[in-house]
């Protein structure tokens, strides 16, 4: 990941990318453990939530 950042990346840039990478890894792990919802189910739930 660090190799893809520009040479002038700030410490904040690096911290943000590490943070985002960790969030993605946790999300993938959670999806593997708990499963995921199908697109139609997500759309249905959002439609109900947005109607209120």
C-alpha atoms as a PDB file:
ATOM      1  CA  UNK A   1       0.000   0.000   0.000  1.00  0.00           C
ATOM      2  CA  UNK A   2       2.795   2.414   0.807  1.00  0.00           C
ATOM      3  CA  UNK A   3       4.297   1.910  -2.643  1.00  0.00           C
ATOM      4  CA  UNK A   4       1.137   3.325  -4.228  1.00  0.00           C
ATOM      5  CA  UNK A   5       1.308   6.621  -2.325  1.00  0.00           C
ATOM      6  CA  UNK A   6       3.088   9.586  -3.892  1.00  0.00           C
ATOM      7  CA  UNK A   7       6.575  10.414  -2.639  1.00  0.00           C
ATOM      8  CA  UNK A   8       5.286  13.616  -1.061  1.00  0.00           C
ATOM      9  CA  UNK A   9       2.512  11.900   0.960  1.00  0.00           C
ATOM     10  CA  UNK A  10       2.143  13.375   4.413  1.00  0.00           C
ATOM     11  CA  UNK A  11       2.035  11.433   7.648  1.00  0.00           C
ATOM     12  CA  UNK A  12      -1.702  12.168   7.751  1.00  0.00           C
ATOM     13  CA  UNK A  13      -2.103  10.649   4.273  1.00  0.00           C
ATOM     14  CA  UNK A  14      -0.322   7.500   5.396  1.00  0.00           C
ATOM     15  CA  UNK A  15      -2.352   7.281   8.612  1.00  0.00           C
ATOM     16  CA  UNK A  16      -5.614   7.675   6.702  1.00  0.00           C
ATOM     17  CA  UNK A  17      -4.703   4.952   4.207  1.00  0.00           C
ATOM     18  CA  UNK A  18      -3.701   2.583   7.001  1.00  0.00           C
ATOM     19  CA  UNK A  19      -6.969   3.364   8.812  1.00  0.00           C
ATOM     20  CA  UNK A  20      -9.042   2.757   5.678  1.00  0.00           C
ATOM     21  CA  UNK A  21      -7.188  -0.482   4.915  1.00  0.00           C
ATOM     22  CA  UNK A  22      -7.817  -1.759   8.448  1.00  0.00           C
ATOM     23  CA  UNK A  23     -11.534  -0.894   8.180  1.00  0.00           C
ATOM     24  CA  UNK A  24     -11.808  -2.825   4.918  1.00  0.00           C
ATOM     25  CA  UNK A  25     -10.003  -5.837   6.395  1.00  0.00           C
ATOM     26  CA  UNK A  26     -12.338  -5.836   9.413  1.00  0.00           C
ATOM     27  CA  UNK A  27     -15.378  -5.561   7.144  1.00  0.00           C
ATOM     28  CA  UNK A  28     -14.275  -8.494   5.001  1.00  0.00           C
ATOM     29  CA  UNK A  29     -13.561 -10.592   8.101  1.00  0.00           C
ATOM     30  CA  UNK A  30     -16.974  -9.760   9.562  1.00  0.00           C
ATOM     31  CA  UNK A  31     -18.705 -10.574   6.267  1.00  0.00           C
ATOM     32  CA  UNK A  32     -16.908 -13.929   6.163  1.00  0.00           C
ATOM     33  CA  UNK A  33     -17.944 -14.718   9.734  1.00  0.00           C
ATOM     34  CA  UNK A  34     -21.499 -13.363   9.774  1.00  0.00           C
ATOM     35  CA  UNK A  35     -22.484 -13.469   6.115  1.00  0.00           C
ATOM     36  CA  UNK A  36     -23.851 -10.721   3.935  1.00  0.00           C
ATOM     37  CA  UNK A  37     -27.221  -9.579   2.610  1.00  0.00           C
ATOM     38  CA  UNK A  38     -28.262  -9.894  -1.006  1.00  0.00           C
ATOM     39  CA  UNK A  39     -28.655  -6.656  -2.969  1.00  0.00           C
ATOM     40  CA  UNK A  40     -32.457  -6.993  -3.100  1.00  0.00           C
ATOM     41  CA  UNK A  41     -32.689  -7.404   0.674  1.00  0.00           C
ATOM     42  CA  UNK A  42     -30.562  -4.317   1.276  1.00  0.00           C
ATOM     43  CA  UNK A  43     -32.681  -2.306  -1.153  1.00  0.00           C
ATOM     44  CA  UNK A  44     -35.880  -3.497   0.518  1.00  0.00           C
ATOM     45  CA  UNK A  45     -34.621  -2.573   3.975  1.00  0.00           C
ATOM     46  CA  UNK A  46     -33.429   0.846   2.817  1.00  0.00           C
ATOM     47  CA  UNK A  47     -36.734   1.521   1.049  1.00  0.00           C
ATOM     48  CA  UNK A  48     -38.634   0.770   4.269  1.00  0.00           C
ATOM     49  CA  UNK A  49     -36.259   2.894   6.328  1.00  0.00           C
ATOM     50  CA  UNK A  50     -36.405   5.857   3.944  1.00  0.00           C
ATOM     51  CA  UNK A  51     -40.215   5.804   3.786  1.00  0.00           C
ATOM     52  CA  UNK A  52     -40.582   6.700   7.474  1.00  0.00           C
END
